[in-house]
Amino acid sequence: MDRKECNLSLDELLKFDGVMAAGIYSPDGKLVDYKSNTDMPRDMAEMTAKFCGAVNLMFGALASAYTQLYKMNWIPQHNWMYSGGDWTVIISGTRGVFVESSKANLEQLLKGLGVC
């Protein structure tokens, strides 16, 4: 994927083992679209989009600081991942997935999202 934003459709993302929901959000954290294999309510998807926008903003600030202060190129931002408890969130650009960790092949999913 050439280190660009993941371009898989939401339906394609939902086909990966363990993926419970897939979504697209704007850079400022507004939900653009989402689909779920479960009964994920829209308000949860909207809250997740806000969370992703905030995390992108935080990582963007950190990346800019490292790039400017230490002459280490950390921009543009490509991907990030959080895993805790039973769940993992993987973000590629403004597209991401909500994953039940125990049911997923994370290596396959990361490759599908263009993370590795």
Protein backbone atom coordinates (compact mmCIF):
# COMPACT_ATOMS: atom_id res chain seq x y z
CA MET A 1 0.00 0.00 0.00
CA ASP A 2 3.01 2.26 -0.28
CA ARG A 3 2.61 3.66 3.28
CA LYS A 4 -0.53 5.47 2.23
CA GLU A 5 -3.88 5.42 3.97
CA CYS A 6 -5.64 2.08 3.88
CA ASN A 7 -8.06 2.01 0.96
CA LEU A 8 -9.95 -1.19 1.74
CA SER A 9 -13.71 -0.81 1.84
CA LEU A 10 -15.53 -1.20 5.13
CA ASP A 11 -17.00 -4.47 3.87
CA GLU A 12 -13.49 -5.75 3.05
CA LEU A 13 -12.24 -4.78 6.50
CA LEU A 14 -15.14 -6.58 8.18
CA LYS A 15 -14.09 -9.84 6.51
CA PHE A 16 -10.89 -10.10 8.59
CA ASP A 17 -11.14 -12.49 11.55
CA GLY A 18 -11.97 -10.72 14.78
CA VAL A 19 -13.01 -7.40 13.23
CA MET A 20 -16.19 -6.28 14.94
CA ALA A 21 -16.49 -2.85 13.33
CA ALA A 22 -14.78 -0.74 10.69
CA GLY A 23 -15.04 2.98 10.22
CA ILE A 24 -13.91 6.08 8.45
CA TYR A 25 -13.61 9.40 10.23
CA SER A 26 -12.52 12.90 9.28
CA PRO A 27 -9.17 14.27 10.51
CA ASP A 28 -11.05 16.36 13.09
CA GLY A 29 -12.79 13.29 14.52
CA LYS A 30 -16.21 13.27 12.87
CA LEU A 31 -17.69 9.94 11.86
CA VAL A 32 -17.89 9.65 8.05
CA ASP A 33 -19.12 6.05 7.79
CA TYR A 34 -19.04 2.79 9.71
CA LYS A 35 -20.22 -0.78 9.50
CA SER A 36 -20.34 -3.40 12.20
CA ASN A 37 -20.62 -7.18 12.51
CA THR A 38 -22.31 -6.60 15.87
CA ASP A 39 -24.86 -4.19 17.23
CA MET A 40 -22.34 -1.37 17.71
CA PRO A 41 -24.53 1.69 18.23
CA ARG A 42 -23.94 4.81 16.17
CA ASP A 43 -23.13 6.88 19.26
CA MET A 44 -20.30 4.46 20.12
CA ALA A 45 -18.96 4.78 16.57
CA GLU A 46 -19.17 8.59 16.84
CA MET A 47 -17.35 8.57 20.18
CA THR A 48 -14.67 6.31 18.70
CA ALA A 49 -14.23 8.71 15.77
CA LYS A 50 -13.71 11.59 18.24
CA PHE A 51 -11.18 9.50 20.15
CA CYS A 52 -9.31 8.68 16.91
CA GLY A 53 -9.25 12.33 15.86
CA ALA A 54 -7.87 13.34 19.28
CA VAL A 55 -5.19 10.64 19.19
CA ASN A 56 -4.18 11.68 15.66
CA LEU A 57 -3.88 15.28 16.87
CA MET A 58 -1.74 14.23 19.84
CA PHE A 59 0.54 12.05 17.72
CA GLY A 60 0.76 14.82 15.11
CA ALA A 61 1.97 17.28 17.75
CA LEU A 62 4.49 14.77 19.08
CA ALA A 63 5.72 13.97 15.56
CA SER A 64 6.13 17.66 14.71
CA ALA A 65 8.10 18.26 17.90
CA TYR A 66 10.46 15.33 17.31
CA THR A 67 10.91 16.34 13.69
CA GLN A 68 11.67 19.96 14.53
CA LEU A 69 13.65 19.58 17.76
CA TYR A 70 15.63 16.43 17.05
CA LYS A 71 15.76 16.45 13.24
CA MET A 72 14.09 13.02 13.12
CA ASN A 73 11.44 12.88 10.41
CA TRP A 74 8.21 11.59 11.95
CA ILE A 75 5.74 13.20 9.54
CA PRO A 76 3.41 12.56 7.93
CA GLN A 77 1.69 10.23 10.36
CA HIS A 78 0.61 6.91 8.83
CA ASN A 79 -0.77 4.44 11.38
CA TRP A 80 -1.27 3.71 15.05
CA MET A 81 -2.66 0.93 17.21
CA TYR A 82 -3.98 0.52 20.74
CA SER A 83 -4.56 -2.78 22.48
CA GLY A 84 -5.94 -3.25 25.97
CA GLY A 85 -8.16 -5.74 27.75
CA ASP A 86 -9.98 -7.77 25.11
CA TRP A 87 -9.87 -5.20 22.33
CA THR A 88 -7.52 -3.70 19.75
CA VAL A 89 -8.01 -0.61 17.60
CA ILE A 90 -5.89 -0.27 14.46
CA ILE A 91 -5.91 2.99 12.52
CA SER A 92 -4.49 3.62 9.05
CA GLY A 93 -4.94 7.24 8.07
CA THR A 94 -8.60 8.00 8.78
CA ARG A 95 -9.81 4.42 8.45
CA GLY A 96 -9.72 1.85 11.19
CA VAL A 97 -11.04 -1.28 12.82
CA PHE A 98 -12.32 -2.38 16.22
CA VAL A 99 -11.00 -5.89 16.83
CA GLU A 100 -11.70 -8.59 19.38
CA SER A 101 -8.05 -9.42 20.03
CA SER A 102 -8.44 -13.13 20.83
CA LYS A 103 -10.26 -13.81 17.56
CA ALA A 104 -7.96 -11.87 15.24
CA ASN A 105 -4.84 -12.65 13.31
CA LEU A 106 -3.24 -9.29 14.02
CA GLU A 107 -0.31 -9.85 11.67
CA GLN A 108 -2.69 -10.50 8.75
CA LEU A 109 -4.85 -7.53 9.72
CA LEU A 110 -1.87 -5.17 10.03
CA LYS A 111 -0.69 -6.18 6.56
CA GLY A 112 -4.20 -5.73 5.17
CA LEU A 113 -4.31 -2.21 6.59
CA GLY A 114 -0.88 -1.44 5.18
CA VAL A 115 0.73 -1.07 8.61
CA CYS A 116 3.58 -3.50 7.98
